[in-house]
């Protein structure tokens, strides 16, 4: 039995870890098949492509800046601009780190 404990959202060279509150709400198996009716429709031909057998499912979860080490969503410099030094000084004085900010 395989256990997967982490989901990733990838795209355009970025990768985000969806670690908090991950959910898969449904699971669907996709197979390519077609039906050809015959004369009289008693015995139709059913064709199935065995190589095209994949699963699809929607995922949801919480994305935070802690999962974005490359700062592709945002960064402290973009958020605080001119007041970044005040923000860092305040956090240092009050012992606030990235995990309880």
PDB file of N, CA and C in Angstrom:
ATOM      1  N   UNK A   1       0.847  -1.182   0.000  1.00  0.00           N
ATOM      2  CA  UNK A   1       0.000   0.000   0.000  1.00  0.00           C
ATOM      3  C   UNK A   1       0.886   1.236   0.000  1.00  0.00           C
ATOM      4  N   UNK A   2       0.599   2.159  -0.886  1.00  0.00           N
ATOM      5  CA  UNK A   2       1.370   3.405  -0.961  1.00  0.00           C
ATOM      6  C   UNK A   2       0.638   4.503  -0.210  1.00  0.00           C
ATOM      7  N   UNK A   3       1.378   5.286   0.533  1.00  0.00           N
ATOM      8  CA  UNK A   3       0.828   6.452   1.221  1.00  0.00           C
ATOM      9  C   UNK A   3       1.528   7.692   0.700  1.00  0.00           C
ATOM     10  N   UNK A   4       0.740   8.618   0.166  1.00  0.00           N
ATOM     11  CA  UNK A   4       1.270   9.881  -0.315  1.00  0.00           C
ATOM     12  C   UNK A   4       0.827  10.960   0.661  1.00  0.00           C
ATOM     13  N   UNK A   5       1.766  11.684   1.239  1.00  0.00           N
ATOM     14  CA  UNK A   5       1.414  12.674   2.248  1.00  0.00           C
ATOM     15  C   UNK A   5       1.585  14.109   1.773  1.00  0.00           C
ATOM     16  N   UNK A   6       1.956  14.308   0.511  1.00  0.00           N
ATOM     17  CA  UNK A   6       2.164  15.658   0.018  1.00  0.00           C
ATOM     18  C   UNK A   6       1.623  15.768  -1.400  1.00  0.00           C
ATOM     19  N   UNK A   7       0.952  16.893  -1.688  1.00  0.00           N
ATOM     20  CA  UNK A   7       0.491  17.202  -3.037  1.00  0.00           C
ATOM     21  C   UNK A   7       1.237  18.432  -3.521  1.00  0.00           C
ATOM     22  N   UNK A   8       1.490  18.484  -4.811  1.00  0.00           N
ATOM     23  CA  UNK A   8       2.180  19.621  -5.404  1.00  0.00           C
ATOM     24  C   UNK A   8       1.347  20.195  -6.538  1.00  0.00           C
ATOM     25  N   UNK A   9       1.334  21.497  -6.629  1.00  0.00           N
ATOM     26  CA  UNK A   9       0.717  22.212  -7.723  1.00  0.00           C
ATOM     27  C   UNK A   9       1.867  22.772  -8.555  1.00  0.00           C
ATOM     28  N   UNK A  10       1.963  22.361  -9.821  1.00  0.00           N
ATOM     29  CA  UNK A  10       3.086  22.774 -10.649  1.00  0.00           C
ATOM     30  C   UNK A  10       2.597  23.517 -11.873  1.00  0.00           C
ATOM     31  N   UNK A  11       3.457  24.364 -12.398  1.00  0.00           N
ATOM     32  CA  UNK A  11       3.146  25.092 -13.621  1.00  0.00           C
ATOM     33  C   UNK A  11       4.137  26.197 -13.863  1.00  0.00           C
ATOM     34  N   UNK A  12       4.537  26.371 -15.106  1.00  0.00           N
ATOM     35  CA  UNK A  12       5.442  27.424 -15.542  1.00  0.00           C
ATOM     36  C   UNK A  12       6.726  27.470 -14.709  1.00  0.00           C
ATOM     37  N   UNK A  13       7.287  26.317 -14.427  1.00  0.00           N
ATOM     38  CA  UNK A  13       8.553  26.257 -13.707  1.00  0.00           C
ATOM     39  C   UNK A  13       8.438  26.450 -12.207  1.00  0.00           C
ATOM     40  N   UNK A  14       7.243  26.639 -11.676  1.00  0.00           N
ATOM     41  CA  UNK A  14       7.047  26.808 -10.235  1.00  0.00           C
ATOM     42  C   UNK A  14       6.397  25.564  -9.653  1.00  0.00           C
ATOM     43  N   UNK A  15       6.686  25.313  -8.397  1.00  0.00           N
ATOM     44  CA  UNK A  15       6.118  24.163  -7.712  1.00  0.00           C
ATOM     45  C   UNK A  15       5.720  24.586  -6.302  1.00  0.00           C
ATOM     46  N   UNK A  16       4.442  24.395  -5.952  1.00  0.00           N
ATOM     47  CA  UNK A  16       3.939  24.758  -4.635  1.00  0.00           C
ATOM     48  C   UNK A  16       3.504  23.507  -3.893  1.00  0.00           C
ATOM     49  N   UNK A  17       3.883  23.411  -2.654  1.00  0.00           N
ATOM     50  CA  UNK A  17       3.528  22.291  -1.808  1.00  0.00           C
ATOM     51  C   UNK A  17       2.189  22.590  -1.138  1.00  0.00           C
ATOM     52  N   UNK A  18       1.180  21.743  -1.379  1.00  0.00           N
ATOM     53  CA  UNK A  18      -0.126  21.919  -0.732  1.00  0.00           C
ATOM     54  C   UNK A  18      -0.124  21.024   0.492  1.00  0.00           C
ATOM     55  N   UNK A  19       0.354  21.546   1.589  1.00  0.00           N
ATOM     56  CA  UNK A  19       0.546  20.752   2.787  1.00  0.00           C
ATOM     57  C   UNK A  19      -0.601  20.890   3.777  1.00  0.00           C
ATOM     58  N   UNK A  20      -1.251  22.038   3.828  1.00  0.00           N
ATOM     59  CA  UNK A  20      -2.278  22.284   4.828  1.00  0.00           C
ATOM     60  C   UNK A  20      -3.667  22.025   4.253  1.00  0.00           C
ATOM     61  N   UNK A  21      -4.424  21.186   4.911  1.00  0.00           N
ATOM     62  CA  UNK A  21      -5.812  20.872   4.576  1.00  0.00           C
ATOM     63  C   UNK A  21      -5.992  20.365   3.138  1.00  0.00           C
ATOM     64  N   UNK A  22      -5.187  19.376   2.694  1.00  0.00           N
ATOM     65  CA  UNK A  22      -5.377  18.857   1.337  1.00  0.00           C
ATOM     66  C   UNK A  22      -6.613  17.961   1.261  1.00  0.00           C
ATOM     67  N   UNK A  23      -7.361  18.070   0.164  1.00  0.00           N
ATOM     68  CA  UNK A  23      -8.574  17.268  -0.015  1.00  0.00           C
ATOM     69  C   UNK A  23      -8.697  16.818  -1.465  1.00  0.00           C
ATOM     70  N   UNK A  24      -9.151  15.587  -1.645  1.00  0.00           N
ATOM     71  CA  UNK A  24      -9.547  15.073  -2.952  1.00  0.00           C
ATOM     72  C   UNK A  24     -11.022  14.747  -2.825  1.00  0.00           C
ATOM     73  N   UNK A  25     -11.865  15.487  -3.539  1.00  0.00           N
ATOM     74  CA  UNK A  25     -13.305  15.342  -3.338  1.00  0.00           C
ATOM     75  C   UNK A  25     -13.941  14.231  -4.174  1.00  0.00           C
ATOM     76  N   UNK A  26     -13.326  13.862  -5.302  1.00  0.00           N
ATOM     77  CA  UNK A  26     -13.868  12.770  -6.113  1.00  0.00           C
ATOM     78  C   UNK A  26     -12.721  12.122  -6.884  1.00  0.00           C
ATOM     79  N   UNK A  27     -12.991  10.960  -7.448  1.00  0.00           N
ATOM     80  CA  UNK A  27     -11.978  10.195  -8.162  1.00  0.00           C
ATOM     81  C   UNK A  27     -12.656   9.541  -9.353  1.00  0.00           C
ATOM     82  N   UNK A  28     -12.187   9.806 -10.569  1.00  0.00           N
ATOM     83  CA  UNK A  28     -12.844   9.302 -11.768  1.00  0.00           C
ATOM     84  C   UNK A  28     -11.830   8.580 -12.646  1.00  0.00           C
ATOM     85  N   UNK A  29     -12.190   7.391 -13.103  1.00  0.00           N
ATOM     86  CA  UNK A  29     -11.344   6.625 -14.014  1.00  0.00           C
ATOM     87  C   UNK A  29     -11.779   6.948 -15.439  1.00  0.00           C
ATOM     88  N   UNK A  30     -10.841   7.312 -16.296  1.00  0.00           N
ATOM     89  CA  UNK A  30     -11.136   7.696 -17.674  1.00  0.00           C
ATOM     90  C   UNK A  30     -10.579   6.654 -18.633  1.00  0.00           C
ATOM     91  N   UNK A  31     -11.458   6.123 -19.481  1.00  0.00           N
ATOM     92  CA  UNK A  31     -11.092   5.122 -20.477  1.00  0.00           C
ATOM     93  C   UNK A  31     -11.702   5.545 -21.798  1.00  0.00           C
ATOM     94  N   UNK A  32     -10.943   5.400 -22.874  1.00  0.00           N
ATOM     95  CA  UNK A  32     -11.461   5.729 -24.201  1.00  0.00           C
ATOM     96  C   UNK A  32     -12.151   4.498 -24.781  1.00  0.00           C
ATOM     97  N   UNK A  33     -13.444   4.618 -25.035  1.00  0.00           N
ATOM     98  CA  UNK A  33     -14.176   3.513 -25.636  1.00  0.00           C
ATOM     99  C   UNK A  33     -15.246   4.066 -26.567  1.00  0.00           C
ATOM    100  N   UNK A  34     -15.599   3.256 -27.548  1.00  0.00           N
ATOM    101  CA  UNK A  34     -16.640   3.666 -28.496  1.00  0.00           C
ATOM    102  C   UNK A  34     -17.531   2.463 -28.809  1.00  0.00           C
ATOM    103  N   UNK A  35     -18.759   2.749 -29.193  1.00  0.00           N
ATOM    104  CA  UNK A  35     -19.735   1.705 -29.497  1.00  0.00           C
ATOM    105  C   UNK A  35     -20.214   1.906 -30.930  1.00  0.00           C
ATOM    106  N   UNK A  36     -20.177   0.847 -31.700  1.00  0.00           N
ATOM    107  CA  UNK A  36     -20.669   0.882 -33.071  1.00  0.00           C
ATOM    108  C   UNK A  36     -21.861  -0.054 -33.161  1.00  0.00           C
ATOM    109  N   UNK A  37     -23.009   0.508 -33.477  1.00  0.00           N
ATOM    110  CA  UNK A  37     -24.220  -0.306 -33.599  1.00  0.00           C
ATOM    111  C   UNK A  37     -24.204  -1.075 -34.913  1.00  0.00           C
ATOM    112  N   UNK A  38     -24.709  -2.286 -34.862  1.00  0.00           N
ATOM    113  CA  UNK A  38     -24.804  -3.127 -36.057  1.00  0.00           C
ATOM    114  C   UNK A  38     -26.241  -3.133 -36.572  1.00  0.00           C
ATOM    115  N   UNK A  39     -26.422  -3.750 -37.704  1.00  0.00           N
ATOM    116  CA  UNK A  39     -27.774  -3.844 -38.268  1.00  0.00           C
ATOM    117  C   UNK A  39     -28.615  -4.687 -37.322  1.00  0.00           C
ATOM    118  N   UNK A  40     -29.726  -4.192 -36.910  1.00  0.00           N
ATOM    119  CA  UNK A  40     -30.597  -4.881 -35.974  1.00  0.00           C
ATOM    120  C   UNK A  40     -30.254  -4.560 -34.522  1.00  0.00           C
ATOM    121  N   UNK A  41     -29.103  -3.955 -34.258  1.00  0.00           N
ATOM    122  CA  UNK A  41     -28.651  -3.522 -32.922  1.00  0.00           C
ATOM    123  C   UNK A  41     -28.653  -4.634 -31.878  1.00  0.00           C
ATOM    124  N   UNK A  42     -28.507  -5.877 -32.336  1.00  0.00           N
ATOM    125  CA  UNK A  42     -28.508  -6.964 -31.371  1.00  0.00           C
ATOM    126  C   UNK A  42     -27.133  -7.144 -30.730  1.00  0.00           C
ATOM    127  N   UNK A  43     -26.083  -7.111 -31.550  1.00  0.00           N
ATOM    128  CA  UNK A  43     -24.721  -7.300 -31.029  1.00  0.00           C
ATOM    129  C   UNK A  43     -23.838  -6.139 -31.492  1.00  0.00           C
ATOM    130  N   UNK A  44     -23.751  -5.060 -30.738  1.00  0.00           N
ATOM    131  CA  UNK A  44     -22.905  -3.928 -31.152  1.00  0.00           C
ATOM    132  C   UNK A  44     -21.420  -4.236 -30.923  1.00  0.00           C
ATOM    133  N   UNK A  45     -20.568  -3.517 -31.648  1.00  0.00           N
ATOM    134  CA  UNK A  45     -19.131  -3.609 -31.444  1.00  0.00           C
ATOM    135  C   UNK A  45     -18.718  -2.552 -30.425  1.00  0.00           C
ATOM    136  N   UNK A  46     -17.990  -2.967 -29.399  1.00  0.00           N
ATOM    137  CA  UNK A  46     -17.467  -2.031 -28.395  1.00  0.00           C
ATOM    138  C   UNK A  46     -15.955  -2.062 -28.482  1.00  0.00           C
ATOM    139  N   UNK A  47     -15.356  -0.896 -28.734  1.00  0.00           N
ATOM    140  CA  UNK A  47     -13.895  -0.788 -28.833  1.00  0.00           C
ATOM    141  C   UNK A  47     -13.399   0.001 -27.639  1.00  0.00           C
ATOM    142  N   UNK A  48     -12.371  -0.523 -27.018  1.00  0.00           N
ATOM    143  CA  UNK A  48     -11.779   0.152 -25.865  1.00  0.00           C
ATOM    144  C   UNK A  48     -10.273   0.253 -26.066  1.00  0.00           C
ATOM    145  N   UNK A  49      -9.748   1.456 -25.860  1.00  0.00           N
ATOM    146  CA  UNK A  49      -8.314   1.677 -25.953  1.00  0.00           C
ATOM    147  C   UNK A  49      -7.702   1.386 -24.586  1.00  0.00           C
ATOM    148  N   UNK A  50      -7.004   0.280 -24.460  1.00  0.00           N
ATOM    149  CA  UNK A  50      -6.429  -0.125 -23.175  1.00  0.00           C
ATOM    150  C   UNK A  50      -5.267   0.740 -22.731  1.00  0.00           C
ATOM    151  N   UNK A  51      -4.628   1.438 -23.669  1.00  0.00           N
ATOM    152  CA  UNK A  51      -3.491   2.276 -23.305  1.00  0.00           C
ATOM    153  C   UNK A  51      -3.931   3.608 -22.710  1.00  0.00           C
ATOM    154  N   UNK A  52      -5.162   4.003 -22.988  1.00  0.00           N
ATOM    155  CA  UNK A  52      -5.663   5.263 -22.442  1.00  0.00           C
ATOM    156  C   UNK A  52      -6.508   4.962 -21.208  1.00  0.00           C
ATOM    157  N   UNK A  53      -5.864   4.816 -20.106  1.00  0.00           N
ATOM    158  CA  UNK A  53      -6.538   4.507 -18.843  1.00  0.00           C
ATOM    159  C   UNK A  53      -5.883   5.383 -17.772  1.00  0.00           C
ATOM    160  N   UNK A  54      -6.507   6.502 -17.475  1.00  0.00           N
ATOM    161  CA  UNK A  54      -5.942   7.417 -16.492  1.00  0.00           C
ATOM    162  C   UNK A  54      -7.019   7.841 -15.506  1.00  0.00           C
ATOM    163  N   UNK A  55      -6.579   8.403 -14.408  1.00  0.00           N
ATOM    164  CA  UNK A  55      -7.500   8.866 -13.368  1.00  0.00           C
ATOM    165  C   UNK A  55      -7.469  10.388 -13.320  1.00  0.00           C
ATOM    166  N   UNK A  56      -8.610  10.984 -13.010  1.00  0.00           N
ATOM    167  CA  UNK A  56      -8.669  12.441 -12.830  1.00  0.00           C
ATOM    168  C   UNK A  56      -9.406  12.736 -11.535  1.00  0.00           C
ATOM    169  N   UNK A  57      -8.937  13.785 -10.855  1.00  0.00           N
ATOM    170  CA  UNK A  57      -9.546  14.157  -9.584  1.00  0.00           C
ATOM    171  C   UNK A  57      -9.224  15.610  -9.268  1.00  0.00           C
ATOM    172  N   UNK A  58     -10.174  16.335  -8.692  1.00  0.00           N
ATOM    173  CA  UNK A  58      -9.907  17.711  -8.265  1.00  0.00           C
ATOM    174  C   UNK A  58      -9.227  17.711  -6.892  1.00  0.00           C
ATOM    175  N   UNK A  59      -8.320  18.638  -6.709  1.00  0.00           N
ATOM    176  CA  UNK A  59      -7.671  18.785  -5.406  1.00  0.00           C
ATOM    177  C   UNK A  59      -7.938  20.181  -4.869  1.00  0.00           C
ATOM    178  N   UNK A  60      -7.924  20.297  -3.552  1.00  0.00           N
ATOM    179  CA  UNK A  60      -8.053  21.603  -2.915  1.00  0.00           C
ATOM    180  C   UNK A  60      -7.179  21.597  -1.671  1.00  0.00           C
ATOM    181  N   UNK A  61      -6.830  22.770  -1.217  1.00  0.00           N
ATOM    182  CA  UNK A  61      -6.003  22.896  -0.043  1.00  0.00           C
ATOM    183  C   UNK A  61      -5.609  24.337   0.181  1.00  0.00           C
ATOM    184  N   UNK A  62      -4.900  24.564   1.243  1.00  0.00           N
ATOM    185  CA  UNK A  62      -4.464  25.910   1.607  1.00  0.00           C
ATOM    186  C   UNK A  62      -3.048  26.147   1.102  1.00  0.00           C
ATOM    187  N   UNK A  63      -2.861  27.233   0.377  1.00  0.00           N
ATOM    188  CA  UNK A  63      -1.538  27.614  -0.124  1.00  0.00           C
ATOM    189  C   UNK A  63      -1.090  28.841   0.664  1.00  0.00           C
ATOM    190  N   UNK A  64       0.078  28.755   1.277  1.00  0.00           N
ATOM    191  CA  UNK A  64       0.614  29.880   2.034  1.00  0.00           C
ATOM    192  C   UNK A  64       1.999  30.237   1.520  1.00  0.00           C
ATOM    193  N   UNK A  65       2.528  31.341   1.987  1.00  0.00           N
ATOM    194  CA  UNK A  65       3.871  31.749   1.570  1.00  0.00           C
ATOM    195  C   UNK A  65       4.951  30.799   2.093  1.00  0.00           C
ATOM    196  N   UNK A  66       4.641  29.981   3.092  1.00  0.00           N
ATOM    197  CA  UNK A  66       5.625  29.021   3.612  1.00  0.00           C
ATOM    198  C   UNK A  66       5.900  27.905   2.612  1.00  0.00           C
ATOM    199  N   UNK A  67       5.011  27.696   1.658  1.00  0.00           N
ATOM    200  CA  UNK A  67       5.185  26.646   0.658  1.00  0.00           C
ATOM    201  C   UNK A  67       5.821  27.178  -0.620  1.00  0.00           C
ATOM    202  N   UNK A  68       6.255  28.402  -0.617  1.00  0.00           N
ATOM    203  CA  UNK A  68       6.753  29.064  -1.823  1.00  0.00           C
ATOM    204  C   UNK A  68       8.177  29.569  -1.596  1.00  0.00           C
ATOM    205  N   UNK A  69       9.172  28.668  -1.588  1.00  0.00           N
ATOM    206  CA  UNK A  69      10.539  29.122  -1.305  1.00  0.00           C
ATOM    207  C   UNK A  69      11.114  30.031  -2.387  1.00  0.00           C
ATOM    208  N   UNK A  70      10.596  29.946  -3.613  1.00  0.00           N
ATOM    209  CA  UNK A  70      11.112  30.801  -4.684  1.00  0.00           C
ATOM    210  C   UNK A  70      10.385  32.143  -4.762  1.00  0.00           C
ATOM    211  N   UNK A  71       9.413  32.376  -3.870  1.00  0.00           N
ATOM    212  CA  UNK A  71       8.645  33.628  -3.795  1.00  0.00           C
ATOM    213  C   UNK A  71       7.963  33.963  -5.123  1.00  0.00           C
ATOM    214  N   UNK A  72       7.360  32.953  -5.761  1.00  0.00           N
ATOM    215  CA  UNK A  72       6.670  33.199  -7.027  1.00  0.00           C
ATOM    216  C   UNK A  72       5.297  33.824  -6.821  1.00  0.00           C
ATOM    217  N   UNK A  73       4.667  33.592  -5.656  1.00  0.00           N
ATOM    218  CA  UNK A  73       3.370  34.209  -5.382  1.00  0.00           C
ATOM    219  C   UNK A  73       3.576  35.642  -4.905  1.00  0.00           C
ATOM    220  N   UNK A  74       4.338  35.789  -3.853  1.00  0.00           N
ATOM    221  CA  UNK A  74       4.653  37.113  -3.322  1.00  0.00           C
ATOM    222  C   UNK A  74       5.896  37.013  -2.459  1.00  0.00           C
ATOM    223  N   UNK A  75       6.402  38.110  -2.042  1.00  0.00           N
ATOM    224  CA  UNK A  75       7.559  38.142  -1.154  1.00  0.00           C
ATOM    225  C   UNK A  75       7.366  39.268  -0.141  1.00  0.00           C
ATOM    226  N   UNK A  76       8.173  39.254   0.899  1.00  0.00           N
ATOM    227  CA  UNK A  76       8.081  40.321   1.908  1.00  0.00           C
ATOM    228  C   UNK A  76       8.423  41.673   1.303  1.00  0.00           C
ATOM    229  N   UNK A  77       9.346  41.692   0.362  1.00  0.00           N
ATOM    230  CA  UNK A  77       9.714  42.955  -0.284  1.00  0.00           C
ATOM    231  C   UNK A  77       8.536  43.550  -1.051  1.00  0.00           C
ATOM    232  N   UNK A  78       7.760  42.677  -1.740  1.00  0.00           N
ATOM    233  CA  UNK A  78       6.595  43.155  -2.499  1.00  0.00           C
ATOM    234  C   UNK A  78       5.471  43.595  -1.567  1.00  0.00           C
ATOM    235  N   UNK A  79       5.297  42.888  -0.456  1.00  0.00           N
ATOM    236  CA  UNK A  79       4.202  43.188   0.461  1.00  0.00           C
ATOM    237  C   UNK A  79       4.435  44.468   1.263  1.00  0.00           C
ATOM    238  N   UNK A  80       5.634  44.630   1.807  1.00  0.00           N
ATOM    239  CA  UNK A  80       5.880  45.726   2.747  1.00  0.00           C
ATOM    240  C   UNK A  80       6.634  46.911   2.144  1.00  0.00           C
ATOM    241  N   UNK A  81       7.193  46.746   0.989  1.00  0.00           N
ATOM    242  CA  UNK A  81       7.913  47.796   0.258  1.00  0.00           C
ATOM    243  C   UNK A  81       8.802  48.639   1.169  1.00  0.00           C
ATOM    244  N   UNK A  82       8.422  49.876   1.439  1.00  0.00           N
ATOM    245  CA  UNK A  82       9.271  50.798   2.201  1.00  0.00           C
ATOM    246  C   UNK A  82       9.304  50.488   3.694  1.00  0.00           C
ATOM    247  N   UNK A  83       8.306  49.789   4.210  1.00  0.00           N
ATOM    248  CA  UNK A  83       8.260  49.528   5.644  1.00  0.00           C
ATOM    249  C   UNK A  83       8.795  48.135   6.010  1.00  0.00           C
ATOM    250  N   UNK A  84       9.576  47.527   5.136  1.00  0.00           N
ATOM    251  CA  UNK A  84      10.115  46.192   5.400  1.00  0.00           C
ATOM    252  C   UNK A  84      11.044  46.192   6.609  1.00  0.00           C
ATOM    253  N   UNK A  85      11.872  47.197   6.743  1.00  0.00           N
ATOM    254  CA  UNK A  85      12.799  47.235   7.886  1.00  0.00           C
ATOM    255  C   UNK A  85      12.028  47.387   9.203  1.00  0.00           C
ATOM    256  N   UNK A  86      10.951  48.175   9.200  1.00  0.00           N
ATOM    257  CA  UNK A  86      10.118  48.309  10.397  1.00  0.00           C
ATOM    258  C   UNK A  86       9.459  46.981  10.746  1.00  0.00           C
ATOM    259  N   UNK A  87       8.960  46.294   9.740  1.00  0.00           N
ATOM    260  CA  UNK A  87       8.317  44.991   9.929  1.00  0.00           C
ATOM    261  C   UNK A  87       9.298  43.973  10.525  1.00  0.00           C
ATOM    262  N   UNK A  88      10.497  43.888   9.964  1.00  0.00           N
ATOM    263  CA  UNK A  88      11.500  42.936  10.461  1.00  0.00           C
ATOM    264  C   UNK A  88      11.955  43.292  11.876  1.00  0.00           C
ATOM    265  N   UNK A  89      12.100  44.573  12.144  1.00  0.00           N
ATOM    266  CA  UNK A  89      12.501  45.025  13.495  1.00  0.00           C
ATOM    267  C   UNK A  89      11.412  44.674  14.520  1.00  0.00           C
ATOM    268  N   UNK A  90      10.166  44.897  14.165  1.00  0.00           N
ATOM    269  CA  UNK A  90       9.047  44.572  15.053  1.00  0.00           C
ATOM    270  C   UNK A  90       9.006  43.069  15.342  1.00  0.00           C
ATOM    271  N   UNK A  91       9.151  42.251  14.305  1.00  0.00           N
ATOM    272  CA  UNK A  91       9.137  40.796  14.486  1.00  0.00           C
ATOM    273  C   UNK A  91      10.302  40.317  15.348  1.00  0.00           C
ATOM    274  N   UNK A  92      11.453  40.899  15.149  1.00  0.00           N
ATOM    275  CA  UNK A  92      12.620  40.508  15.943  1.00  0.00           C
ATOM    276  C   UNK A  92      12.422  40.879  17.411  1.00  0.00           C
ATOM    277  N   UNK A  93      11.896  42.068  17.648  1.00  0.00           N
ATOM    278  CA  UNK A  93      11.671  42.547  19.014  1.00  0.00           C
ATOM    279  C   UNK A  93      10.633  41.695  19.746  1.00  0.00           C
ATOM    280  N   UNK A  94       9.596  41.261  19.048  1.00  0.00           N
ATOM    281  CA  UNK A  94       8.515  40.484  19.650  1.00  0.00           C
ATOM    282  C   UNK A  94       8.653  38.972  19.462  1.00  0.00           C
ATOM    283  N   UNK A  95       9.807  38.535  18.993  1.00  0.00           N
ATOM    284  CA  UNK A  95      10.107  37.105  18.788  1.00  0.00           C
ATOM    285  C   UNK A  95       9.089  36.426  17.882  1.00  0.00           C
ATOM    286  N   UNK A  96       8.803  37.055  16.788  1.00  0.00           N
ATOM    287  CA  UNK A  96       7.865  36.495  15.809  1.00  0.00           C
ATOM    288  C   UNK A  96       8.688  35.951  14.630  1.00  0.00           C
ATOM    289  N   UNK A  97       8.495  34.674  14.344  1.00  0.00           N
ATOM    290  CA  UNK A  97       9.189  34.096  13.185  1.00  0.00           C
ATOM    291  C   UNK A  97       8.187  33.784  12.069  1.00  0.00           C
ATOM    292  N   UNK A  98       8.641  33.134  11.005  1.00  0.00           N
ATOM    293  CA  UNK A  98       7.772  32.874   9.849  1.00  0.00           C
ATOM    294  C   UNK A  98       6.593  31.951  10.188  1.00  0.00           C
ATOM    295  N   UNK A  99       6.759  31.096  11.175  1.00  0.00           N
ATOM    296  CA  UNK A  99       5.720  30.111  11.463  1.00  0.00           C
ATOM    297  C   UNK A  99       4.629  30.626  12.405  1.00  0.00           C
ATOM    298  N   UNK A 100       4.855  31.685  13.118  1.00  0.00           N
ATOM    299  CA  UNK A 100       3.795  32.247  13.967  1.00  0.00           C
ATOM    300  C   UNK A 100       3.474  33.685  13.603  1.00  0.00           C
ATOM    301  N   UNK A 101       3.859  34.085  12.404  1.00  0.00           N
ATOM    302  CA  UNK A 101       3.601  35.439  11.914  1.00  0.00           C
ATOM    303  C   UNK A 101       2.151  35.542  11.464  1.00  0.00           C
TER     304      UNK A 101
END
